[in-house]
All heavy atoms as atom14 arrays in JSON, in Angstrom:
{
  "sequence": "CPITVFLKPMSYFSLFRIKVDKKKCISCGKCEKICPMNVEVPCNSR",
  "atom14_mask": [
    [1, 1, 1, 1, 1, 1, 0, 0, 0, 0, 0, 0, 0, 0],
    [1, 1, 1, 1, 1, 1, 1, 0, 0, 0, 0, 0, 0, 0],
    [1, 1, 1, 1, 1, 1, 1, 1, 0, 0, 0, 0, 0, 0],
    [1, 1, 1, 1, 1, 1, 1, 0, 0, 0, 0, 0, 0, 0],
    [1, 1, 1, 1, 1, 1, 1, 0, 0, 0, 0, 0, 0, 0],
    [1, 1, 1, 1, 1, 1, 1, 1, 1, 1, 1, 0, 0, 0],
    [1, 1, 1, 1, 1, 1, 1, 1, 0, 0, 0, 0, 0, 0],
    [1, 1, 1, 1, 1, 1, 1, 1, 1, 0, 0, 0, 0, 0],
    [1, 1, 1, 1, 1, 1, 1, 0, 0, 0, 0, 0, 0, 0],
    [1, 1, 1, 1, 1, 1, 1, 1, 0, 0, 0, 0, 0, 0],
    [1, 1, 1, 1, 1, 1, 0, 0, 0, 0, 0, 0, 0, 0],
    [1, 1, 1, 1, 1, 1, 1, 1, 1, 1, 1, 1, 0, 0],
    [1, 1, 1, 1, 1, 1, 1, 1, 1, 1, 1, 0, 0, 0],
    [1, 1, 1, 1, 1, 1, 0, 0, 0, 0, 0, 0, 0, 0],
    [1, 1, 1, 1, 1, 1, 1, 1, 0, 0, 0, 0, 0, 0],
    [1, 1, 1, 1, 1, 1, 1, 1, 1, 1, 1, 0, 0, 0],
    [1, 1, 1, 1, 1, 1, 1, 1, 1, 1, 1, 0, 0, 0],
    [1, 1, 1, 1, 1, 1, 1, 1, 0, 0, 0, 0, 0, 0],
    [1, 1, 1, 1, 1, 1, 1, 1, 1, 0, 0, 0, 0, 0],
    [1, 1, 1, 1, 1, 1, 1, 0, 0, 0, 0, 0, 0, 0],
    [1, 1, 1, 1, 1, 1, 1, 1, 0, 0, 0, 0, 0, 0],
    [1, 1, 1, 1, 1, 1, 1, 1, 1, 0, 0, 0, 0, 0],
    [1, 1, 1, 1, 1, 1, 1, 1, 1, 0, 0, 0, 0, 0],
    [1, 1, 1, 1, 1, 1, 1, 1, 1, 0, 0, 0, 0, 0],
    [1, 1, 1, 1, 1, 1, 0, 0, 0, 0, 0, 0, 0, 0],
    [1, 1, 1, 1, 1, 1, 1, 1, 0, 0, 0, 0, 0, 0],
    [1, 1, 1, 1, 1, 1, 0, 0, 0, 0, 0, 0, 0, 0],
    [1, 1, 1, 1, 1, 1, 0, 0, 0, 0, 0, 0, 0, 0],
    [1, 1, 1, 1, 0, 0, 0, 0, 0, 0, 0, 0, 0, 0],
    [1, 1, 1, 1, 1, 1, 1, 1, 1, 0, 0, 0, 0, 0],
    [1, 1, 1, 1, 1, 1, 0, 0, 0, 0, 0, 0, 0, 0],
    [1, 1, 1, 1, 1, 1, 1, 1, 1, 0, 0, 0, 0, 0],
    [1, 1, 1, 1, 1, 1, 1, 1, 1, 0, 0, 0, 0, 0],
    [1, 1, 1, 1, 1, 1, 1, 1, 0, 0, 0, 0, 0, 0],
    [1, 1, 1, 1, 1, 1, 0, 0, 0, 0, 0, 0, 0, 0],
    [1, 1, 1, 1, 1, 1, 1, 0, 0, 0, 0, 0, 0, 0],
    [1, 1, 1, 1, 1, 1, 1, 1, 0, 0, 0, 0, 0, 0],
    [1, 1, 1, 1, 1, 1, 1, 1, 0, 0, 0, 0, 0, 0],
    [1, 1, 1, 1, 1, 1, 1, 0, 0, 0, 0, 0, 0, 0],
    [1, 1, 1, 1, 1, 1, 1, 1, 1, 0, 0, 0, 0, 0],
    [1, 1, 1, 1, 1, 1, 1, 0, 0, 0, 0, 0, 0, 0],
    [1, 1, 1, 1, 1, 1, 1, 0, 0, 0, 0, 0, 0, 0],
    [1, 1, 1, 1, 1, 1, 0, 0, 0, 0, 0, 0, 0, 0],
    [1, 1, 1, 1, 1, 1, 1, 1, 0, 0, 0, 0, 0, 0],
    [1, 1, 1, 1, 1, 1, 0, 0, 0, 0, 0, 0, 0, 0],
    [1, 1, 1, 1, 1, 1, 1, 1, 1, 1, 1, 0, 0, 0]
  ],
  "atom14_positions": [
    [[-4.74, -26.4, -16.17], [-5.59, -27.44, -15.57], [-7.08, -27.22, -15.85], [-7.66, -26.22, -15.42], [-5.35, -27.51, -14.06], [-6.35, -28.8, -13.28], [0.0, 0.0, 0.0], [0.0, 0.0, 0.0], [0.0, 0.0, 0.0], [0.0, 0.0, 0.0], [0.0, 0.0, 0.0], [0.0, 0.0, 0.0], [0.0, 0.0, 0.0], [0.0, 0.0, 0.0]],
    [[-7.72, -28.18, -16.55], [-9.14, -28.01, -16.89], [-10.08, -28.23, -15.71], [-11.23, -27.79, -15.74], [-9.37, -29.09, -17.96], [-8.36, -30.15, -17.65], [-7.16, -29.43, -17.11], [0.0, 0.0, 0.0], [0.0, 0.0, 0.0], [0.0, 0.0, 0.0], [0.0, 0.0, 0.0], [0.0, 0.0, 0.0], [0.0, 0.0, 0.0], [0.0, 0.0, 0.0]],
    [[-9.6, -28.89, -14.66], [-10.44, -29.17, -13.49], [-10.86, -27.87, -12.81], [-11.92, -27.79, -12.18], [-9.7, -30.07, -12.47], [-9.08, -31.29, -13.16], [-10.62, -30.49, -11.35], [-10.04, -32.14, -13.94], [0.0, 0.0, 0.0], [0.0, 0.0, 0.0], [0.0, 0.0, 0.0], [0.0, 0.0, 0.0], [0.0, 0.0, 0.0], [0.0, 0.0, 0.0]],
    [[-10.05, -26.83, -12.96], [-10.35, -25.55, -12.31], [-11.63, -24.92, -12.85], [-12.21, -24.04, -12.21], [-9.18, -24.56, -12.44], [-8.89, -24.35, -13.83], [-7.94, -25.09, -11.76], [0.0, 0.0, 0.0], [0.0, 0.0, 0.0], [0.0, 0.0, 0.0], [0.0, 0.0, 0.0], [0.0, 0.0, 0.0], [0.0, 0.0, 0.0], [0.0, 0.0, 0.0]],
    [[-12.07, -25.37, -14.03], [-13.34, -24.86, -14.57], [-14.49, -25.24, -13.63], [-15.43, -24.48, -13.45], [-13.58, -25.38, -16.01], [-14.94, -24.96, -16.53], [-12.48, -24.89, -16.94], [0.0, 0.0, 0.0], [0.0, 0.0, 0.0], [0.0, 0.0, 0.0], [0.0, 0.0, 0.0], [0.0, 0.0, 0.0], [0.0, 0.0, 0.0], [0.0, 0.0, 0.0]],
    [[-14.4, -26.41, -13.0], [-15.36, -26.81, -11.97], [-15.06, -26.13, -10.65], [-15.96, -25.65, -9.96], [-15.29, -28.33, -11.73], [-15.87, -29.17, -12.82], [-15.2, -30.3, -13.28], [-17.1, -28.87, -13.39], [-15.73, -31.1, -14.27], [-17.65, -29.66, -14.39], [-16.95, -30.78, -14.83], [0.0, 0.0, 0.0], [0.0, 0.0, 0.0], [0.0, 0.0, 0.0]],
    [[-13.79, -26.11, -10.28], [-13.39, -25.68, -8.94], [-13.58, -24.19, -8.68], [-14.02, -23.8, -7.6], [-11.92, -26.03, -8.7], [-11.58, -27.52, -8.57], [-10.08, -27.72, -8.61], [-12.15, -28.08, -7.28], [0.0, 0.0, 0.0], [0.0, 0.0, 0.0], [0.0, 0.0, 0.0], [0.0, 0.0, 0.0], [0.0, 0.0, 0.0], [0.0, 0.0, 0.0]],
    [[-13.23, -23.35, -9.64], [-13.22, -21.9, -9.4], [-14.59, -21.32, -9.04], [-14.71, -20.61, -8.04], [-12.6, -21.18, -10.6], [-11.09, -21.31, -10.67], [-10.51, -20.79, -11.95], [-10.63, -19.3, -12.1], [-9.92, -18.52, -11.1], [0.0, 0.0, 0.0], [0.0, 0.0, 0.0], [0.0, 0.0, 0.0], [0.0, 0.0, 0.0], [0.0, 0.0, 0.0]],
    [[-15.65, -21.58, -9.82], [-16.93, -20.96, -9.47], [-17.45, -21.41, -8.11], [-18.01, -20.62, -7.36], [-17.88, -21.4, -10.59], [-17.11, -22.23, -11.53], [-15.71, -22.35, -11.06], [0.0, 0.0, 0.0], [0.0, 0.0, 0.0], [0.0, 0.0, 0.0], [0.0, 0.0, 0.0], [0.0, 0.0, 0.0], [0.0, 0.0, 0.0], [0.0, 0.0, 0.0]],
    [[-17.26, -22.69, -7.79], [-17.74, -23.2, -6.51], [-16.9, -22.65, -5.35], [-17.42, -22.4, -4.26], [-17.72, -24.73, -6.49], [-18.46, -25.37, -7.66], [-20.16, -24.8, -7.81], [-21.0, -25.98, -6.79], [0.0, 0.0, 0.0], [0.0, 0.0, 0.0], [0.0, 0.0, 0.0], [0.0, 0.0, 0.0], [0.0, 0.0, 0.0], [0.0, 0.0, 0.0]],
    [[-15.61, -22.45, -5.6], [-14.71, -21.95, -4.56], [-15.08, -20.53, -4.11], [-14.76, -20.13, -3.0], [-13.27, -21.95, -5.06], [-12.83, -23.26, -5.29], [0.0, 0.0, 0.0], [0.0, 0.0, 0.0], [0.0, 0.0, 0.0], [0.0, 0.0, 0.0], [0.0, 0.0, 0.0], [0.0, 0.0, 0.0], [0.0, 0.0, 0.0], [0.0, 0.0, 0.0]],
    [[-15.74, -19.8, -4.96], [-16.16, -18.44, -4.62], [-17.02, -18.44, -3.35], [-16.96, -17.52, -2.54], [-16.93, -17.81, -5.78], [-17.41, -16.41, -5.5], [-16.57, -15.32, -5.71], [-18.69, -16.17, -5.02], [-17.0, -14.02, -5.44], [-19.13, -14.88, -4.75], [-18.28, -13.82, -4.97], [-18.72, -12.53, -4.69], [0.0, 0.0, 0.0], [0.0, 0.0, 0.0]],
    [[-17.81, -19.5, -3.18], [-18.74, -19.6, -2.06], [-18.18, -20.43, -0.89], [-18.91, -20.76, 0.04], [-20.06, -20.2, -2.53], [-20.72, -19.43, -3.63], [-20.6, -19.85, -4.95], [-21.42, -18.27, -3.37], [-21.19, -19.13, -5.98], [-22.01, -17.53, -4.39], [-21.89, -17.97, -5.71], [0.0, 0.0, 0.0], [0.0, 0.0, 0.0], [0.0, 0.0, 0.0]],
    [[-16.91, -20.77, -0.96], [-16.29, -21.65, 0.03], [-16.51, -21.2, 1.47], [-16.38, -20.03, 1.81], [-14.79, -21.73, -0.25], [-14.14, -22.43, 0.77], [0.0, 0.0, 0.0], [0.0, 0.0, 0.0], [0.0, 0.0, 0.0], [0.0, 0.0, 0.0], [0.0, 0.0, 0.0], [0.0, 0.0, 0.0], [0.0, 0.0, 0.0], [0.0, 0.0, 0.0]],
    [[-16.83, -22.17, 2.33], [-17.03, -21.89, 3.75], [-15.69, -21.61, 4.43], [-15.56, -20.67, 5.21], [-17.73, -23.09, 4.41], [-18.01, -22.97, 5.91], [-18.97, -21.82, 6.2], [-18.59, -24.28, 6.44], [0.0, 0.0, 0.0], [0.0, 0.0, 0.0], [0.0, 0.0, 0.0], [0.0, 0.0, 0.0], [0.0, 0.0, 0.0], [0.0, 0.0, 0.0]],
    [[-14.7, -22.44, 4.14], [-13.37, -22.26, 4.73], [-12.52, -21.36, 3.83], [-12.28, -21.68, 2.67], [-12.67, -23.61, 4.92], [-13.31, -24.47, 5.96], [-14.07, -25.58, 5.59], [-13.19, -24.17, 7.31], [-14.68, -26.38, 6.54], [-13.8, -24.96, 8.27], [-14.54, -26.06, 7.89], [0.0, 0.0, 0.0], [0.0, 0.0, 0.0], [0.0, 0.0, 0.0]],
    [[-12.09, -20.23, 4.37], [-11.27, -19.27, 3.63], [-10.25, -18.67, 4.59], [-10.47, -18.6, 5.79], [-12.13, -18.14, 3.06], [-13.19, -18.58, 2.09], [-13.98, -17.42, 1.5], [-14.66, -16.63, 2.51], [-14.49, -15.31, 2.68], [-13.67, -14.63, 1.91], [-15.15, -14.67, 3.6], [0.0, 0.0, 0.0], [0.0, 0.0, 0.0], [0.0, 0.0, 0.0]],
    [[-9.14, -18.22, 4.02], [-8.15, -17.5, 4.82], [-8.68, -16.09, 5.06], [-9.06, -15.39, 4.12], [-6.78, -17.41, 4.09], [-6.25, -18.8, 3.74], [-5.78, -16.62, 4.92], [-5.88, -19.65, 4.93], [0.0, 0.0, 0.0], [0.0, 0.0, 0.0], [0.0, 0.0, 0.0], [0.0, 0.0, 0.0], [0.0, 0.0, 0.0], [0.0, 0.0, 0.0]],
    [[-8.72, -15.69, 6.34], [-9.22, -14.36, 6.69], [-8.12, -13.57, 7.38], [-7.26, -14.13, 8.06], [-10.44, -14.48, 7.6], [-11.6, -15.23, 6.97], [-12.77, -15.35, 7.93], [-13.85, -16.27, 7.37], [-13.47, -17.67, 7.41], [0.0, 0.0, 0.0], [0.0, 0.0, 0.0], [0.0, 0.0, 0.0], [0.0, 0.0, 0.0], [0.0, 0.0, 0.0]],
    [[-8.17, -12.25, 7.21], [-7.16, -11.38, 7.82], [-7.8, -10.52, 8.91], [-8.9, -10.0, 8.74], [-6.47, -10.5, 6.74], [-7.48, -9.61, 6.02], [-5.37, -9.66, 7.36], [0.0, 0.0, 0.0], [0.0, 0.0, 0.0], [0.0, 0.0, 0.0], [0.0, 0.0, 0.0], [0.0, 0.0, 0.0], [0.0, 0.0, 0.0], [0.0, 0.0, 0.0]],
    [[-7.08, -10.4, 10.01], [-7.46, -9.48, 11.09], [-6.8, -8.15, 10.77], [-5.59, -7.98, 10.94], [-6.97, -10.01, 12.43], [-7.42, -9.14, 13.6], [-7.74, -7.95, 13.39], [-7.44, -9.66, 14.74], [0.0, 0.0, 0.0], [0.0, 0.0, 0.0], [0.0, 0.0, 0.0], [0.0, 0.0, 0.0], [0.0, 0.0, 0.0], [0.0, 0.0, 0.0]],
    [[-7.57, -7.2, 10.27], [-7.04, -5.91, 9.82], [-6.35, -5.13, 10.94], [-5.47, -4.31, 10.69], [-8.16, -5.06, 9.2], [-8.63, -5.56, 7.85], [-7.55, -5.4, 6.8], [-8.06, -5.71, 5.4], [-6.99, -5.55, 4.4], [0.0, 0.0, 0.0], [0.0, 0.0, 0.0], [0.0, 0.0, 0.0], [0.0, 0.0, 0.0], [0.0, 0.0, 0.0]],
    [[-6.73, -5.4, 12.17], [-6.12, -4.69, 13.29], [-4.68, -5.15, 13.51], [-3.84, -4.39, 13.99], [-6.94, -4.9, 14.57], [-8.31, -4.26, 14.53], [-9.09, -4.58, 15.78], [-10.5, -3.98, 15.69], [-11.33, -4.38, 16.83], [0.0, 0.0, 0.0], [0.0, 0.0, 0.0], [0.0, 0.0, 0.0], [0.0, 0.0, 0.0], [0.0, 0.0, 0.0]],
    [[-4.41, -6.41, 13.18], [-3.06, -6.95, 13.37], [-2.17, -6.76, 12.14], [-0.95, -6.69, 12.24], [-3.14, -8.45, 13.69], [-3.74, -8.77, 15.05], [-3.69, -10.28, 15.26], [-4.28, -10.66, 16.61], [-4.28, -12.14, 16.79], [0.0, 0.0, 0.0], [0.0, 0.0, 0.0], [0.0, 0.0, 0.0], [0.0, 0.0, 0.0], [0.0, 0.0, 0.0]],
    [[-2.78, -6.72, 10.96], [-2.02, -6.66, 9.71], [-1.2, -5.37, 9.61], [-1.71, -4.27, 9.83], [-2.98, -6.76, 8.52], [-2.16, -6.69, 6.91], [0.0, 0.0, 0.0], [0.0, 0.0, 0.0], [0.0, 0.0, 0.0], [0.0, 0.0, 0.0], [0.0, 0.0, 0.0], [0.0, 0.0, 0.0], [0.0, 0.0, 0.0], [0.0, 0.0, 0.0]],
    [[0.08, -5.51, 9.26], [0.96, -4.34, 9.11], [1.32, -4.09, 7.64], [2.21, -3.31, 7.33], [2.25, -4.52, 9.95], [2.99, -5.8, 9.55], [1.93, -4.5, 11.44], [4.37, -5.96, 10.19], [0.0, 0.0, 0.0], [0.0, 0.0, 0.0], [0.0, 0.0, 0.0], [0.0, 0.0, 0.0], [0.0, 0.0, 0.0], [0.0, 0.0, 0.0]],
    [[0.62, -4.78, 6.73], [0.82, -4.61, 5.28], [2.28, -4.81, 4.85], [2.79, -4.06, 4.03], [0.32, -3.23, 4.84], [-1.03, -3.06, 5.16], [0.0, 0.0, 0.0], [0.0, 0.0, 0.0], [0.0, 0.0, 0.0], [0.0, 0.0, 0.0], [0.0, 0.0, 0.0], [0.0, 0.0, 0.0], [0.0, 0.0, 0.0], [0.0, 0.0, 0.0]],
    [[2.91, -5.83, 5.39], [4.31, -6.1, 5.05], [4.46, -6.79, 3.7], [5.53, -6.79, 3.1], [4.98, -6.94, 6.14], [4.27, -8.6, 6.33], [0.0, 0.0, 0.0], [0.0, 0.0, 0.0], [0.0, 0.0, 0.0], [0.0, 0.0, 0.0], [0.0, 0.0, 0.0], [0.0, 0.0, 0.0], [0.0, 0.0, 0.0], [0.0, 0.0, 0.0]],
    [[3.38, -7.42, 3.21], [3.4, -8.07, 1.9], [4.01, -9.46, 1.87], [4.08, -10.08, 0.81], [0.0, 0.0, 0.0], [0.0, 0.0, 0.0], [0.0, 0.0, 0.0], [0.0, 0.0, 0.0], [0.0, 0.0, 0.0], [0.0, 0.0, 0.0], [0.0, 0.0, 0.0], [0.0, 0.0, 0.0], [0.0, 0.0, 0.0], [0.0, 0.0, 0.0]],
    [[4.43, -9.98, 3.02], [5.06, -11.31, 3.05], [4.1, -12.4, 2.62], [4.49, -13.37, 1.97], [5.61, -11.6, 4.45], [6.83, -10.78, 4.81], [7.38, -11.19, 6.17], [8.65, -10.38, 6.48], [9.22, -10.76, 7.79], [0.0, 0.0, 0.0], [0.0, 0.0, 0.0], [0.0, 0.0, 0.0], [0.0, 0.0, 0.0], [0.0, 0.0, 0.0]],
    [[2.84, -12.27, 3.0], [1.85, -13.3, 2.67], [1.63, -13.4, 1.16], [1.53, -14.49, 0.6], [0.53, -13.02, 3.38], [-0.17, -11.39, 3.09], [0.0, 0.0, 0.0], [0.0, 0.0, 0.0], [0.0, 0.0, 0.0], [0.0, 0.0, 0.0], [0.0, 0.0, 0.0], [0.0, 0.0, 0.0], [0.0, 0.0, 0.0], [0.0, 0.0, 0.0]],
    [[1.58, -12.26, 0.49], [1.36, -12.26, -0.95], [2.59, -12.75, -1.7], [2.47, -13.4, -2.73], [0.96, -10.87, -1.44], [-0.44, -10.48, -1.0], [-0.91, -9.18, -1.6], [-0.36, -8.13, -1.24], [-1.82, -9.22, -2.44], [0.0, 0.0, 0.0], [0.0, 0.0, 0.0], [0.0, 0.0, 0.0], [0.0, 0.0, 0.0], [0.0, 0.0, 0.0]],
    [[3.75, -12.44, -1.17], [4.99, -12.88, -1.81], [5.14, -14.39, -1.78], [5.57, -15.02, -2.74], [6.19, -12.23, -1.12], [7.52, -12.53, -1.8], [8.63, -11.68, -1.22], [9.92, -11.86, -2.0], [10.79, -12.89, -1.49], [0.0, 0.0, 0.0], [0.0, 0.0, 0.0], [0.0, 0.0, 0.0], [0.0, 0.0, 0.0], [0.0, 0.0, 0.0]],
    [[4.73, -15.0, -0.68], [4.89, -16.46, -0.5], [3.77, -17.25, -1.18], [3.92, -18.44, -1.46], [4.97, -16.82, 1.0], [5.56, -18.23, 1.21], [3.6, -16.76, 1.67], [7.02, -18.31, 1.07], [0.0, 0.0, 0.0], [0.0, 0.0, 0.0], [0.0, 0.0, 0.0], [0.0, 0.0, 0.0], [0.0, 0.0, 0.0], [0.0, 0.0, 0.0]],
    [[2.62, -16.6, -1.46], [1.46, -17.3, -2.01], [1.77, -17.9, -3.39], [2.08, -17.17, -4.33], [0.26, -16.36, -2.13], [-1.2, -17.18, -2.85], [0.0, 0.0, 0.0], [0.0, 0.0, 0.0], [0.0, 0.0, 0.0], [0.0, 0.0, 0.0], [0.0, 0.0, 0.0], [0.0, 0.0, 0.0], [0.0, 0.0, 0.0], [0.0, 0.0, 0.0]],
    [[1.67, -19.23, -3.54], [1.99, -19.85, -4.82], [0.96, -19.57, -5.92], [1.22, -19.79, -7.09], [2.03, -21.35, -4.49], [1.17, -21.49, -3.3], [1.31, -20.21, -2.52], [0.0, 0.0, 0.0], [0.0, 0.0, 0.0], [0.0, 0.0, 0.0], [0.0, 0.0, 0.0], [0.0, 0.0, 0.0], [0.0, 0.0, 0.0], [0.0, 0.0, 0.0]],
    [[-0.22, -19.04, -5.53], [-1.29, -18.81, -6.49], [-1.59, -17.33, -6.75], [-2.58, -16.99, -7.37], [-2.57, -19.51, -6.02], [-2.43, -21.03, -5.89], [-1.96, -21.85, -7.43], [-3.48, -21.74, -8.35], [0.0, 0.0, 0.0], [0.0, 0.0, 0.0], [0.0, 0.0, 0.0], [0.0, 0.0, 0.0], [0.0, 0.0, 0.0], [0.0, 0.0, 0.0]],
    [[-0.73, -16.44, -6.26], [-0.87, -15.0, -6.48], [-2.2, -14.42, -5.97], [-2.79, -13.54, -6.59], [-0.72, -14.64, -7.96], [0.57, -15.12, -8.57], [0.57, -16.06, -9.36], [1.67, -14.51, -8.19], [0.0, 0.0, 0.0], [0.0, 0.0, 0.0], [0.0, 0.0, 0.0], [0.0, 0.0, 0.0], [0.0, 0.0, 0.0], [0.0, 0.0, 0.0]],
    [[-2.65, -14.93, -4.83], [-3.9, -14.43, -4.25], [-3.63, -13.13, -3.49], [-2.58, -12.97, -2.87], [-4.51, -15.48, -3.28], [-5.75, -14.94, -2.59], [-4.83, -16.77, -4.02], [0.0, 0.0, 0.0], [0.0, 0.0, 0.0], [0.0, 0.0, 0.0], [0.0, 0.0, 0.0], [0.0, 0.0, 0.0], [0.0, 0.0, 0.0], [0.0, 0.0, 0.0]],
    [[-4.58, -12.22, -3.55], [-4.51, -10.97, -2.76], [-4.89, -11.34, -1.32], [-6.02, -11.16, -0.9], [-5.48, -9.93, -3.34], [-5.42, -8.59, -2.66], [-6.51, -7.65, -3.14], [-7.32, -8.03, -4.02], [-6.56, -6.52, -2.62], [0.0, 0.0, 0.0], [0.0, 0.0, 0.0], [0.0, 0.0, 0.0], [0.0, 0.0, 0.0], [0.0, 0.0, 0.0]],
    [[-3.91, -11.84, -0.6], [-4.18, -12.46, 0.71], [-4.77, -11.49, 1.74], [-5.79, -11.8, 2.35], [-2.9, -13.14, 1.27], [-3.19, -13.78, 2.62], [-2.36, -14.17, 0.29], [0.0, 0.0, 0.0], [0.0, 0.0, 0.0], [0.0, 0.0, 0.0], [0.0, 0.0, 0.0], [0.0, 0.0, 0.0], [0.0, 0.0, 0.0], [0.0, 0.0, 0.0]],
    [[-4.15, -10.33, 1.99], [-4.65, -9.5, 3.11], [-5.93, -8.72, 2.77], [-6.01, -7.51, 2.89], [-3.48, -8.56, 3.4], [-2.82, -8.39, 2.08], [-2.99, -9.71, 1.36], [0.0, 0.0, 0.0], [0.0, 0.0, 0.0], [0.0, 0.0, 0.0], [0.0, 0.0, 0.0], [0.0, 0.0, 0.0], [0.0, 0.0, 0.0], [0.0, 0.0, 0.0]],
    [[-6.94, -9.45, 2.32], [-8.23, -8.85, 1.97], [-9.29, -9.9, 2.24], [-9.11, -11.07, 1.88], [-8.23, -8.44, 0.5], [-9.81, -7.8, -0.08], [0.0, 0.0, 0.0], [0.0, 0.0, 0.0], [0.0, 0.0, 0.0], [0.0, 0.0, 0.0], [0.0, 0.0, 0.0], [0.0, 0.0, 0.0], [0.0, 0.0, 0.0], [0.0, 0.0, 0.0]],
    [[-10.38, -9.52, 2.88], [-11.42, -10.48, 3.22], [-12.55, -10.58, 2.2], [-13.45, -11.39, 2.35], [-12.01, -10.14, 4.6], [-11.03, -10.46, 5.72], [-10.3, -11.44, 5.66], [-11.01, -9.61, 6.74], [0.0, 0.0, 0.0], [0.0, 0.0, 0.0], [0.0, 0.0, 0.0], [0.0, 0.0, 0.0], [0.0, 0.0, 0.0], [0.0, 0.0, 0.0]],
    [[-12.5, -9.77, 1.15], [-13.55, -9.79, 0.14], [-13.48, -11.05, -0.72], [-12.39, -11.5, -1.08], [-13.41, -8.56, -0.77], [-14.28, -8.68, -1.88], [0.0, 0.0, 0.0], [0.0, 0.0, 0.0], [0.0, 0.0, 0.0], [0.0, 0.0, 0.0], [0.0, 0.0, 0.0], [0.0, 0.0, 0.0], [0.0, 0.0, 0.0], [0.0, 0.0, 0.0]],
    [[-14.63, -11.6, -1.04], [-14.67, -12.76, -1.95], [-14.29, -12.33, -3.37], [-14.02, -13.18, -4.21], [-16.05, -13.4, -1.94], [-16.37, -14.13, -0.65], [-17.7, -14.87, -0.74], [-18.07, -15.44, 0.55], [-17.72, -16.65, 0.96], [-16.98, -17.41, 0.19], [-18.1, -17.11, 2.14], [0.0, 0.0, 0.0], [0.0, 0.0, 0.0], [0.0, 0.0, 0.0]]
  ]
}
């Protein structure tokens, strides 16, 4: 998809993002397994 050339750089600064509460996370890996885009979900770093 060529549209992602626009989307990706701007998404880096996105206001709305999925965030993880490290105190609750048990590192089960279910979130990463289900993610259709292979995102490293349980990490809050941009």
